[in-house]
Amino acid sequence: MRQATTVSSHAIREMGTGVFSRAPMTAALTPQLALAYLLELSSDIRAAVVLDDSGGWLAGEAALTRPVTALLASAPGSGVEVITARGGVFAARGASHALGLVTGRFALPALICHDLRRALGDLDAGAG
């Protein structure tokens, strides 16, 4: 008795057809998609910007370019988090991108930092 294929990829394989593409993956996360992803994750993000490694604007609120660049230039590490009674400002830089976010006062800082770092890591992975 022969076992019936239940998944179309199994049937394709049995016919001798290649299942996987030999073409390499393209970068899936563009600066615009990174911002859309972050905005979907948190309704508390009020504004955001993606910069290249030299501080040039790539996507988002262009007005945040200079403040985020200055904030990161004054930071001792690779990221900055400033919380006030009115909201927060978060910025981080990676190997090839930087991200800056402005949030409302109800944003959870640890979660925003995690999401920001995750998006930044995905952007940098796609660039390299």
C-alpha atoms as a PDB file:
ATOM      1  CA  MET A   1       0.000   0.000   0.000  1.00  0.00           C
ATOM      2  CA  ARG A   2       1.356   3.409  -0.976  1.00  0.00           C
ATOM      3  CA  GLN A   3       1.019   6.359   1.382  1.00  0.00           C
ATOM      4  CA  ALA A   4      -0.962   9.278  -0.021  1.00  0.00           C
ATOM      5  CA  THR A   5       0.726  12.668  -0.056  1.00  0.00           C
ATOM      6  CA  THR A   6      -1.005  15.185   2.137  1.00  0.00           C
ATOM      7  CA  VAL A   7       1.112  18.204   1.439  1.00  0.00           C
ATOM      8  CA  SER A   8       1.528  19.680  -2.007  1.00  0.00           C
ATOM      9  CA  SER A   9       5.289  20.002  -1.556  1.00  0.00           C
ATOM     10  CA  HIS A  10       5.463  16.226  -1.012  1.00  0.00           C
ATOM     11  CA  ALA A  11       3.615  15.652  -4.279  1.00  0.00           C
ATOM     12  CA  ILE A  12       5.939  18.059  -6.088  1.00  0.00           C
ATOM     13  CA  ARG A  13       8.982  16.257  -4.683  1.00  0.00           C
ATOM     14  CA  GLU A  14       7.641  12.853  -5.764  1.00  0.00           C
ATOM     15  CA  MET A  15       7.255  14.168  -9.310  1.00  0.00           C
ATOM     16  CA  GLY A  16      10.937  15.115  -9.288  1.00  0.00           C
ATOM     17  CA  THR A  17      10.353  18.854  -9.323  1.00  0.00           C
ATOM     18  CA  GLY A  18      12.665  20.994  -7.172  1.00  0.00           C
ATOM     19  CA  VAL A  19      10.862  22.335  -4.112  1.00  0.00           C
ATOM     20  CA  PHE A  20      13.142  25.199  -3.199  1.00  0.00           C
ATOM     21  CA  SER A  21      14.236  28.158  -5.242  1.00  0.00           C
ATOM     22  CA  ARG A  22      17.945  28.470  -5.923  1.00  0.00           C
ATOM     23  CA  ALA A  23      17.654  32.255  -6.081  1.00  0.00           C
ATOM     24  CA  PRO A  24      18.929  33.994  -2.934  1.00  0.00           C
ATOM     25  CA  MET A  25      16.488  35.843  -0.709  1.00  0.00           C
ATOM     26  CA  THR A  26      16.265  39.572  -1.158  1.00  0.00           C
ATOM     27  CA  ALA A  27      16.235  41.967   1.785  1.00  0.00           C
ATOM     28  CA  ALA A  28      12.725  41.658   3.153  1.00  0.00           C
ATOM     29  CA  LEU A  29      12.733  44.575   5.557  1.00  0.00           C
ATOM     30  CA  THR A  30      13.025  47.980   3.939  1.00  0.00           C
ATOM     31  CA  PRO A  31      13.168  51.162   6.039  1.00  0.00           C
ATOM     32  CA  GLN A  32       9.511  51.831   5.182  1.00  0.00           C
ATOM     33  CA  LEU A  33       8.475  48.318   6.209  1.00  0.00           C
ATOM     34  CA  ALA A  34      10.461  48.595   9.442  1.00  0.00           C
ATOM     35  CA  LEU A  35       8.457  51.665  10.403  1.00  0.00           C
ATOM     36  CA  ALA A  36       5.165  50.045   9.411  1.00  0.00           C
ATOM     37  CA  TYR A  37       6.127  47.016  11.524  1.00  0.00           C
ATOM     38  CA  LEU A  38       6.916  49.149  14.567  1.00  0.00           C
ATOM     39  CA  LEU A  39       3.716  51.168  14.198  1.00  0.00           C
ATOM     40  CA  GLU A  40       1.713  47.937  14.057  1.00  0.00           C
ATOM     41  CA  LEU A  41       3.359  46.686  17.246  1.00  0.00           C
ATOM     42  CA  SER A  42       2.591  49.775  19.330  1.00  0.00           C
ATOM     43  CA  SER A  43      -0.177  52.317  19.092  1.00  0.00           C
ATOM     44  CA  ASP A  44       1.875  54.473  21.483  1.00  0.00           C
ATOM     45  CA  ILE A  45       4.475  55.377  18.838  1.00  0.00           C
ATOM     46  CA  ARG A  46       3.721  58.945  17.752  1.00  0.00           C
ATOM     47  CA  ALA A  47       6.578  59.479  15.289  1.00  0.00           C
ATOM     48  CA  ALA A  48       9.517  57.501  13.953  1.00  0.00           C
ATOM     49  CA  VAL A  49      12.489  57.839  11.622  1.00  0.00           C
ATOM     50  CA  VAL A  50      14.981  55.487   9.983  1.00  0.00           C
ATOM     51  CA  LEU A  51      18.446  56.833   9.170  1.00  0.00           C
ATOM     52  CA  ASP A  52      21.402  55.382   7.293  1.00  0.00           C
ATOM     53  CA  ASP A  53      24.798  54.865   8.949  1.00  0.00           C
ATOM     54  CA  SER A  54      25.844  58.454   8.228  1.00  0.00           C
ATOM     55  CA  GLY A  55      22.657  59.981   9.660  1.00  0.00           C
ATOM     56  CA  GLY A  56      20.873  60.503   6.343  1.00  0.00           C
ATOM     57  CA  TRP A  57      17.084  60.199   6.249  1.00  0.00           C
ATOM     58  CA  LEU A  58      15.667  56.978   4.765  1.00  0.00           C
ATOM     59  CA  ALA A  59      12.048  56.836   5.967  1.00  0.00           C
ATOM     60  CA  GLY A  60       9.590  58.341   8.431  1.00  0.00           C
ATOM     61  CA  GLU A  61       9.425  61.807   9.929  1.00  0.00           C
ATOM     62  CA  ALA A  62      12.195  63.827   8.295  1.00  0.00           C
ATOM     63  CA  ALA A  63      11.923  66.438  11.063  1.00  0.00           C
ATOM     64  CA  LEU A  64      13.333  63.879  13.510  1.00  0.00           C
ATOM     65  CA  THR A  65      16.550  63.371  11.536  1.00  0.00           C
ATOM     66  CA  ARG A  66      18.651  66.073  13.205  1.00  0.00           C
ATOM     67  CA  PRO A  67      17.376  65.521  16.779  1.00  0.00           C
ATOM     68  CA  VAL A  68      17.898  61.744  16.573  1.00  0.00           C
ATOM     69  CA  THR A  69      21.364  62.180  15.051  1.00  0.00           C
ATOM     70  CA  ALA A  70      22.320  64.632  17.814  1.00  0.00           C
ATOM     71  CA  LEU A  71      20.877  62.384  20.515  1.00  0.00           C
ATOM     72  CA  LEU A  72      22.822  59.367  19.270  1.00  0.00           C
ATOM     73  CA  ALA A  73      26.009  61.434  18.900  1.00  0.00           C
ATOM     74  CA  SER A  74      25.800  62.368  22.587  1.00  0.00           C
ATOM     75  CA  ALA A  75      25.047  58.804  23.724  1.00  0.00           C
ATOM     76  CA  PRO A  76      27.903  56.800  25.241  1.00  0.00           C
ATOM     77  CA  GLY A  77      26.529  53.497  23.896  1.00  0.00           C
ATOM     78  CA  SER A  78      24.489  52.435  20.904  1.00  0.00           C
ATOM     79  CA  GLY A  79      21.135  53.565  22.259  1.00  0.00           C
ATOM     80  CA  VAL A  80      19.295  56.222  24.218  1.00  0.00           C
ATOM     81  CA  GLU A  81      16.046  56.152  26.180  1.00  0.00           C
ATOM     82  CA  VAL A  82      14.535  59.346  27.616  1.00  0.00           C
ATOM     83  CA  ILE A  83      11.279  59.160  29.565  1.00  0.00           C
ATOM     84  CA  THR A  84       9.277  62.195  30.698  1.00  0.00           C
ATOM     85  CA  ALA A  85       5.793  62.670  32.090  1.00  0.00           C
ATOM     86  CA  ARG A  86       4.567  63.430  28.538  1.00  0.00           C
ATOM     87  CA  GLY A  87       6.172  60.470  26.747  1.00  0.00           C
ATOM     88  CA  GLY A  88       9.430  58.960  25.651  1.00  0.00           C
ATOM     89  CA  VAL A  89      12.163  59.252  23.066  1.00  0.00           C
ATOM     90  CA  PHE A  90      14.064  56.155  22.019  1.00  0.00           C
ATOM     91  CA  ALA A  91      16.971  55.952  19.598  1.00  0.00           C
ATOM     92  CA  ALA A  92      19.412  53.220  18.667  1.00  0.00           C
ATOM     93  CA  ARG A  93      22.053  52.658  16.035  1.00  0.00           C
ATOM     94  CA  GLY A  94      23.260  49.473  14.418  1.00  0.00           C
ATOM     95  CA  ALA A  95      25.898  48.628  11.853  1.00  0.00           C
ATOM     96  CA  SER A  96      24.128  50.268   8.920  1.00  0.00           C
ATOM     97  CA  HIS A  97      20.998  52.005  10.250  1.00  0.00           C
ATOM     98  CA  ALA A  98      19.666  54.084  13.112  1.00  0.00           C
ATOM     99  CA  LEU A  99      16.098  54.313  14.388  1.00  0.00           C
ATOM    100  CA  GLY A 100      14.419  56.996  16.445  1.00  0.00           C
ATOM    101  CA  LEU A 101      10.964  56.822  18.035  1.00  0.00           C
ATOM    102  CA  VAL A 102       8.775  59.245  19.934  1.00  0.00           C
ATOM    103  CA  THR A 103       6.088  57.663  22.109  1.00  0.00           C
ATOM    104  CA  GLY A 104       3.151  58.681  24.233  1.00  0.00           C
ATOM    105  CA  ARG A 105       3.317  58.429  27.987  1.00  0.00           C
ATOM    106  CA  PHE A 106       1.674  55.007  28.204  1.00  0.00           C
ATOM    107  CA  ALA A 107       4.325  53.182  26.174  1.00  0.00           C
ATOM    108  CA  LEU A 108       6.163  50.383  27.958  1.00  0.00           C
ATOM    109  CA  PRO A 109       9.862  51.320  27.704  1.00  0.00           C
ATOM    110  CA  ALA A 110      11.256  47.780  27.854  1.00  0.00           C
ATOM    111  CA  LEU A 111       8.903  46.623  25.116  1.00  0.00           C
ATOM    112  CA  ILE A 112       9.602  49.656  22.914  1.00  0.00           C
ATOM    113  CA  CYS A 113      13.371  49.093  23.317  1.00  0.00           C
ATOM    114  CA  HIS A 114      12.978  45.420  22.447  1.00  0.00           C
ATOM    115  CA  ASP A 115      10.899  46.158  19.336  1.00  0.00           C
ATOM    116  CA  LEU A 116      13.259  48.943  18.248  1.00  0.00           C
ATOM    117  CA  ARG A 117      16.329  46.692  18.600  1.00  0.00           C
ATOM    118  CA  ARG A 118      14.574  43.854  16.776  1.00  0.00           C
ATOM    119  CA  ALA A 119      13.620  46.067  13.811  1.00  0.00           C
ATOM    120  CA  LEU A 120      17.111  47.567  13.750  1.00  0.00           C
ATOM    121  CA  GLY A 121      18.707  44.118  13.758  1.00  0.00           C
ATOM    122  CA  ASP A 122      16.473  42.998  10.887  1.00  0.00           C
ATOM    123  CA  LEU A 123      17.306  46.130   8.905  1.00  0.00           C
ATOM    124  CA  ASP A 124      21.036  45.626   9.439  1.00  0.00           C
ATOM    125  CA  ALA A 125      20.782  41.927   8.521  1.00  0.00           C
ATOM    126  CA  GLY A 126      19.103  42.833   5.230  1.00  0.00           C
ATOM    127  CA  ALA A 127      21.770  45.426   4.447  1.00  0.00           C
ATOM    128  CA  GLY A 128      24.697  43.077   4.944  1.00  0.00           C
END
